[in-house]
Amino acid sequence: MVAFADRAHSTPSPGCQLKGVVEHLRSLDMAPLDELTLSDDAGRDVALKHLWAERPAALVFLRHYG
């Protein structure tokens, strides 16, 4: 059995919208983030600059309601 996505209920491809977001992020001053230190899952301090020193990193901010 083969199933095809229902275009009426699918999310459209972001196309040029994504390109615009990427260009906007490139224009931001990210250097101050190098000075930030966060705690890892074991409670150890980790400088953000070490996380992306060798490869790209994604920063995700979650808000806990509870």
PDB file of N, CA and C in Angstrom:
ATOM      1  N   MET A   1       0.841  -1.176   0.000  1.00  0.00           N
ATOM      2  CA  MET A   1       0.000   0.000   0.000  1.00  0.00           C
ATOM      3  C   MET A   1       0.889   1.244   0.000  1.00  0.00           C
ATOM      4  N   VAL A   2       0.562   2.205  -0.812  1.00  0.00           N
ATOM      5  CA  VAL A   2       1.301   3.456  -0.907  1.00  0.00           C
ATOM      6  C   VAL A   2       0.367   4.586  -0.500  1.00  0.00           C
ATOM      7  N   ALA A   3       0.849   5.455   0.398  1.00  0.00           N
ATOM      8  CA  ALA A   3       0.051   6.602   0.834  1.00  0.00           C
ATOM      9  C   ALA A   3       0.708   7.883   0.338  1.00  0.00           C
ATOM     10  N   PHE A   4      -0.118   8.794  -0.113  1.00  0.00           N
ATOM     11  CA  PHE A   4       0.370  10.082  -0.591  1.00  0.00           C
ATOM     12  C   PHE A   4      -0.156  11.173   0.330  1.00  0.00           C
ATOM     13  N   ALA A   5       0.643  12.212   0.520  1.00  0.00           N
ATOM     14  CA  ALA A   5       0.237  13.337   1.366  1.00  0.00           C
ATOM     15  C   ALA A   5      -0.963  14.042   0.766  1.00  0.00           C
ATOM     16  N   ASP A   6      -1.888  14.420   1.611  1.00  0.00           N
ATOM     17  CA  ASP A   6      -3.058  15.185   1.200  1.00  0.00           C
ATOM     18  C   ASP A   6      -2.647  16.654   1.165  1.00  0.00           C
ATOM     19  N   ARG A   7      -2.481  17.198  -0.011  1.00  0.00           N
ATOM     20  CA  ARG A   7      -2.008  18.587  -0.145  1.00  0.00           C
ATOM     21  C   ARG A   7      -2.928  19.598   0.533  1.00  0.00           C
ATOM     22  N   ALA A   8      -4.201  19.286   0.659  1.00  0.00           N
ATOM     23  CA  ALA A   8      -5.133  20.210   1.301  1.00  0.00           C
ATOM     24  C   ALA A   8      -4.852  20.348   2.794  1.00  0.00           C
ATOM     25  N   HIS A   9      -4.221  19.339   3.388  1.00  0.00           N
ATOM     26  CA  HIS A   9      -3.958  19.363   4.820  1.00  0.00           C
ATOM     27  C   HIS A   9      -2.464  19.332   5.139  1.00  0.00           C
ATOM     28  N   SER A  10      -1.636  19.626   4.172  1.00  0.00           N
ATOM     29  CA  SER A  10      -0.188  19.617   4.374  1.00  0.00           C
ATOM     30  C   SER A  10       0.325  21.030   4.579  1.00  0.00           C
ATOM     31  N   THR A  11       1.412  21.148   5.303  1.00  0.00           N
ATOM     32  CA  THR A  11       2.060  22.434   5.495  1.00  0.00           C
ATOM     33  C   THR A  11       2.851  22.760   4.237  1.00  0.00           C
ATOM     34  N   PRO A  12       2.669  23.946   3.674  1.00  0.00           N
ATOM     35  CA  PRO A  12       3.419  24.293   2.466  1.00  0.00           C
ATOM     36  C   PRO A  12       4.913  24.412   2.746  1.00  0.00           C
ATOM     37  N   SER A  13       5.704  24.173   1.745  1.00  0.00           N
ATOM     38  CA  SER A  13       7.152  24.308   1.857  1.00  0.00           C
ATOM     39  C   SER A  13       7.505  25.758   2.148  1.00  0.00           C
ATOM     40  N   PRO A  14       8.428  26.004   3.105  1.00  0.00           N
ATOM     41  CA  PRO A  14       8.755  27.383   3.462  1.00  0.00           C
ATOM     42  C   PRO A  14       9.475  28.148   2.361  1.00  0.00           C
ATOM     43  N   GLY A  15      10.169  27.442   1.471  1.00  0.00           N
ATOM     44  CA  GLY A  15      10.819  28.082   0.336  1.00  0.00           C
ATOM     45  C   GLY A  15      11.601  29.321   0.691  1.00  0.00           C
ATOM     46  N   CYS A  16      11.201  30.456   0.122  1.00  0.00           N
ATOM     47  CA  CYS A  16      11.944  31.703   0.314  1.00  0.00           C
ATOM     48  C   CYS A  16      11.793  32.251   1.724  1.00  0.00           C
ATOM     49  N   GLN A  17      10.767  31.827   2.468  1.00  0.00           N
ATOM     50  CA  GLN A  17      10.628  32.282   3.854  1.00  0.00           C
ATOM     51  C   GLN A  17      11.823  31.829   4.685  1.00  0.00           C
ATOM     52  N   LEU A  18      12.249  30.600   4.502  1.00  0.00           N
ATOM     53  CA  LEU A  18      13.398  30.077   5.238  1.00  0.00           C
ATOM     54  C   LEU A  18      14.665  30.834   4.869  1.00  0.00           C
ATOM     55  N   LYS A  19      14.820  31.139   3.593  1.00  0.00           N
ATOM     56  CA  LYS A  19      15.991  31.885   3.154  1.00  0.00           C
ATOM     57  C   LYS A  19      16.033  33.257   3.834  1.00  0.00           C
ATOM     58  N   GLY A  20      14.893  33.886   3.976  1.00  0.00           N
ATOM     59  CA  GLY A  20      14.830  35.185   4.640  1.00  0.00           C
ATOM     60  C   GLY A  20      15.226  35.103   6.106  1.00  0.00           C
ATOM     61  N   VAL A  21      14.821  34.035   6.782  1.00  0.00           N
ATOM     62  CA  VAL A  21      15.175  33.847   8.185  1.00  0.00           C
ATOM     63  C   VAL A  21      16.674  33.643   8.323  1.00  0.00           C
ATOM     64  N   VAL A  22      17.248  32.829   7.461  1.00  0.00           N
ATOM     65  CA  VAL A  22      18.690  32.570   7.502  1.00  0.00           C
ATOM     66  C   VAL A  22      19.459  33.865   7.277  1.00  0.00           C
ATOM     67  N   GLU A  23      19.054  34.656   6.315  1.00  0.00           N
ATOM     68  CA  GLU A  23      19.729  35.928   6.056  1.00  0.00           C
ATOM     69  C   GLU A  23      19.612  36.857   7.262  1.00  0.00           C
ATOM     70  N   HIS A  24      18.458  36.855   7.919  1.00  0.00           N
ATOM     71  CA  HIS A  24      18.280  37.692   9.110  1.00  0.00           C
ATOM     72  C   HIS A  24      19.223  37.245  10.228  1.00  0.00           C
ATOM     73  N   LEU A  25      19.340  35.942  10.442  1.00  0.00           N
ATOM     74  CA  LEU A  25      20.227  35.437  11.493  1.00  0.00           C
ATOM     75  C   LEU A  25      21.678  35.786  11.217  1.00  0.00           C
ATOM     76  N   ARG A  26      22.076  35.774   9.970  1.00  0.00           N
ATOM     77  CA  ARG A  26      23.456  36.139   9.623  1.00  0.00           C
ATOM     78  C   ARG A  26      23.758  37.586   9.960  1.00  0.00           C
ATOM     79  N   SER A  27      22.729  38.432   9.981  1.00  0.00           N
ATOM     80  CA  SER A  27      22.944  39.856  10.245  1.00  0.00           C
ATOM     81  C   SER A  27      22.996  40.169  11.743  1.00  0.00           C
ATOM     82  N   LEU A  28      22.644  39.206  12.596  1.00  0.00           N
ATOM     83  CA  LEU A  28      22.660  39.444  14.033  1.00  0.00           C
ATOM     84  C   LEU A  28      24.078  39.338  14.580  1.00  0.00           C
ATOM     85  N   ASP A  29      24.353  40.095  15.626  1.00  0.00           N
ATOM     86  CA  ASP A  29      25.659  40.050  16.280  1.00  0.00           C
ATOM     87  C   ASP A  29      25.665  38.899  17.281  1.00  0.00           C
ATOM     88  N   MET A  30      26.246  37.773  16.891  1.00  0.00           N
ATOM     89  CA  MET A  30      26.250  36.584  17.728  1.00  0.00           C
ATOM     90  C   MET A  30      27.481  36.510  18.640  1.00  0.00           C
ATOM     91  N   ALA A  31      28.446  37.390  18.474  1.00  0.00           N
ATOM     92  CA  ALA A  31      29.680  37.346  19.261  1.00  0.00           C
ATOM     93  C   ALA A  31      29.426  37.368  20.773  1.00  0.00           C
ATOM     94  N   PRO A  32      28.475  38.155  21.285  1.00  0.00           N
ATOM     95  CA  PRO A  32      28.249  38.153  22.735  1.00  0.00           C
ATOM     96  C   PRO A  32      27.841  36.778  23.287  1.00  0.00           C
ATOM     97  N   LEU A  33      27.300  35.911  22.445  1.00  0.00           N
ATOM     98  CA  LEU A  33      26.931  34.578  22.917  1.00  0.00           C
ATOM     99  C   LEU A  33      28.145  33.752  23.321  1.00  0.00           C
ATOM    100  N   ASP A  34      29.312  34.084  22.775  1.00  0.00           N
ATOM    101  CA  ASP A  34      30.535  33.358  23.135  1.00  0.00           C
ATOM    102  C   ASP A  34      30.861  33.487  24.619  1.00  0.00           C
ATOM    103  N   GLU A  35      30.388  34.534  25.256  1.00  0.00           N
ATOM    104  CA  GLU A  35      30.705  34.771  26.659  1.00  0.00           C
ATOM    105  C   GLU A  35      29.720  34.110  27.619  1.00  0.00           C
ATOM    106  N   LEU A  36      28.633  33.550  27.097  1.00  0.00           N
ATOM    107  CA  LEU A  36      27.624  32.929  27.952  1.00  0.00           C
ATOM    108  C   LEU A  36      28.046  31.541  28.401  1.00  0.00           C
ATOM    109  N   THR A  37      27.705  31.223  29.629  1.00  0.00           N
ATOM    110  CA  THR A  37      27.962  29.898  30.188  1.00  0.00           C
ATOM    111  C   THR A  37      26.642  29.349  30.712  1.00  0.00           C
ATOM    112  N   LEU A  38      26.362  28.109  30.366  1.00  0.00           N
ATOM    113  CA  LEU A  38      25.154  27.425  30.813  1.00  0.00           C
ATOM    114  C   LEU A  38      25.534  26.148  31.535  1.00  0.00           C
ATOM    115  N   SER A  39      24.574  25.554  32.211  1.00  0.00           N
ATOM    116  CA  SER A  39      24.807  24.273  32.881  1.00  0.00           C
ATOM    117  C   SER A  39      24.357  23.134  31.965  1.00  0.00           C
ATOM    118  N   ASP A  40      25.168  22.068  31.913  1.00  0.00           N
ATOM    119  CA  ASP A  40      24.761  20.906  31.128  1.00  0.00           C
ATOM    120  C   ASP A  40      23.864  20.013  31.988  1.00  0.00           C
ATOM    121  N   ASP A  41      23.483  18.851  31.470  1.00  0.00           N
ATOM    122  CA  ASP A  41      22.554  17.987  32.192  1.00  0.00           C
ATOM    123  C   ASP A  41      23.137  17.410  33.482  1.00  0.00           C
ATOM    124  N   ALA A  42      24.455  17.475  33.652  1.00  0.00           N
ATOM    125  CA  ALA A  42      25.100  17.013  34.884  1.00  0.00           C
ATOM    126  C   ALA A  42      25.385  18.165  35.850  1.00  0.00           C
ATOM    127  N   GLY A  43      25.000  19.396  35.473  1.00  0.00           N
ATOM    128  CA  GLY A  43      25.216  20.551  36.333  1.00  0.00           C
ATOM    129  C   GLY A  43      26.553  21.232  36.153  1.00  0.00           C
ATOM    130  N   ARG A  44      27.359  20.765  35.194  1.00  0.00           N
ATOM    131  CA  ARG A  44      28.672  21.387  34.934  1.00  0.00           C
ATOM    132  C   ARG A  44      28.489  22.619  34.051  1.00  0.00           C
ATOM    133  N   ASP A  45      29.320  23.629  34.301  1.00  0.00           N
ATOM    134  CA  ASP A  45      29.292  24.838  33.468  1.00  0.00           C
ATOM    135  C   ASP A  45      29.926  24.547  32.118  1.00  0.00           C
ATOM    136  N   VAL A  46      29.247  25.002  31.061  1.00  0.00           N
ATOM    137  CA  VAL A  46      29.744  24.832  29.698  1.00  0.00           C
ATOM    138  C   VAL A  46      29.622  26.169  28.987  1.00  0.00           C
ATOM    139  N   ALA A  47      30.732  26.668  28.445  1.00  0.00           N
ATOM    140  CA  ALA A  47      30.704  27.913  27.665  1.00  0.00           C
ATOM    141  C   ALA A  47      30.123  27.614  26.286  1.00  0.00           C
ATOM    142  N   LEU A  48      29.198  28.448  25.835  1.00  0.00           N
ATOM    143  CA  LEU A  48      28.578  28.226  24.524  1.00  0.00           C
ATOM    144  C   LEU A  48      29.603  28.163  23.406  1.00  0.00           C
ATOM    145  N   LYS A  49      30.674  28.945  23.515  1.00  0.00           N
ATOM    146  CA  LYS A  49      31.663  28.957  22.439  1.00  0.00           C
ATOM    147  C   LYS A  49      32.309  27.591  22.236  1.00  0.00           C
ATOM    148  N   HIS A  50      32.327  26.759  23.273  1.00  0.00           N
ATOM    149  CA  HIS A  50      32.894  25.419  23.125  1.00  0.00           C
ATOM    150  C   HIS A  50      31.944  24.485  22.388  1.00  0.00           C
ATOM    151  N   LEU A  51      30.645  24.779  22.452  1.00  0.00           N
ATOM    152  CA  LEU A  51      29.664  23.921  21.789  1.00  0.00           C
ATOM    153  C   LEU A  51      29.722  24.045  20.272  1.00  0.00           C
ATOM    154  N   TRP A  52      30.056  25.231  19.763  1.00  0.00           N
ATOM    155  CA  TRP A  52      30.097  25.393  18.307  1.00  0.00           C
ATOM    156  C   TRP A  52      31.507  25.639  17.775  1.00  0.00           C
ATOM    157  N   ALA A  53      32.497  25.279  18.546  1.00  0.00           N
ATOM    158  CA  ALA A  53      33.887  25.482  18.107  1.00  0.00           C
ATOM    159  C   ALA A  53      34.241  24.611  16.908  1.00  0.00           C
ATOM    160  N   GLU A  54      33.724  23.393  16.856  1.00  0.00           N
ATOM    161  CA  GLU A  54      34.098  22.465  15.789  1.00  0.00           C
ATOM    162  C   GLU A  54      32.977  22.182  14.801  1.00  0.00           C
ATOM    163  N   ARG A  55      31.736  22.519  15.169  1.00  0.00           N
ATOM    164  CA  ARG A  55      30.609  22.252  14.272  1.00  0.00           C
ATOM    165  C   ARG A  55      29.452  23.178  14.644  1.00  0.00           C
ATOM    166  N   PRO A  56      28.488  23.332  13.762  1.00  0.00           N
ATOM    167  CA  PRO A  56      27.338  24.183  14.076  1.00  0.00           C
ATOM    168  C   PRO A  56      26.551  23.640  15.267  1.00  0.00           C
ATOM    169  N   ALA A  57      25.898  24.519  15.957  1.00  0.00           N
ATOM    170  CA  ALA A  57      25.058  24.137  17.086  1.00  0.00           C
ATOM    171  C   ALA A  57      23.730  24.878  16.978  1.00  0.00           C
ATOM    172  N   ALA A  58      22.678  24.262  17.460  1.00  0.00           N
ATOM    173  CA  ALA A  58      21.351  24.882  17.484  1.00  0.00           C
ATOM    174  C   ALA A  58      21.019  25.245  18.922  1.00  0.00           C
ATOM    175  N   LEU A  59      20.591  26.470  19.120  1.00  0.00           N
ATOM    176  CA  LEU A  59      20.138  26.906  20.444  1.00  0.00           C
ATOM    177  C   LEU A  59      18.615  26.833  20.456  1.00  0.00           C
ATOM    178  N   VAL A  60      18.088  26.128  21.424  1.00  0.00           N
ATOM    179  CA  VAL A  60      16.643  25.977  21.552  1.00  0.00           C
ATOM    180  C   VAL A  60      16.257  26.459  22.934  1.00  0.00           C
ATOM    181  N   PHE A  61      15.306  27.350  22.988  1.00  0.00           N
ATOM    182  CA  PHE A  61      14.840  27.879  24.263  1.00  0.00           C
ATOM    183  C   PHE A  61      13.469  27.283  24.556  1.00  0.00           C
ATOM    184  N   LEU A  62      13.376  26.597  25.676  1.00  0.00           N
ATOM    185  CA  LEU A  62      12.119  25.998  26.105  1.00  0.00           C
ATOM    186  C   LEU A  62      11.627  26.708  27.359  1.00  0.00           C
ATOM    187  N   ARG A  63      10.349  26.886  27.419  1.00  0.00           N
ATOM    188  CA  ARG A  63       9.760  27.506  28.601  1.00  0.00           C
ATOM    189  C   ARG A  63       8.965  26.452  29.337  1.00  0.00           C
ATOM    190  N   HIS A  64       9.237  26.319  30.604  1.00  0.00           N
ATOM    191  CA  HIS A  64       8.566  25.316  31.423  1.00  0.00           C
ATOM    192  C   HIS A  64       7.383  25.950  32.135  1.00  0.00           C
ATOM    193  N   TYR A  65       6.235  25.381  31.938  1.00  0.00           N
ATOM    194  CA  TYR A  65       5.033  25.830  32.656  1.00  0.00           C
ATOM    195  C   TYR A  65       4.725  24.783  33.701  1.00  0.00           C
ATOM    196  N   GLY A  66       4.911  25.114  34.958  1.00  0.00           N
ATOM    197  CA  GLY A  66       4.575  24.061  35.845  1.00  0.00           C
ATOM    198  C   GLY A  66       4.690  24.193  37.253  1.00  0.00           C
TER     199      GLY A  66
END
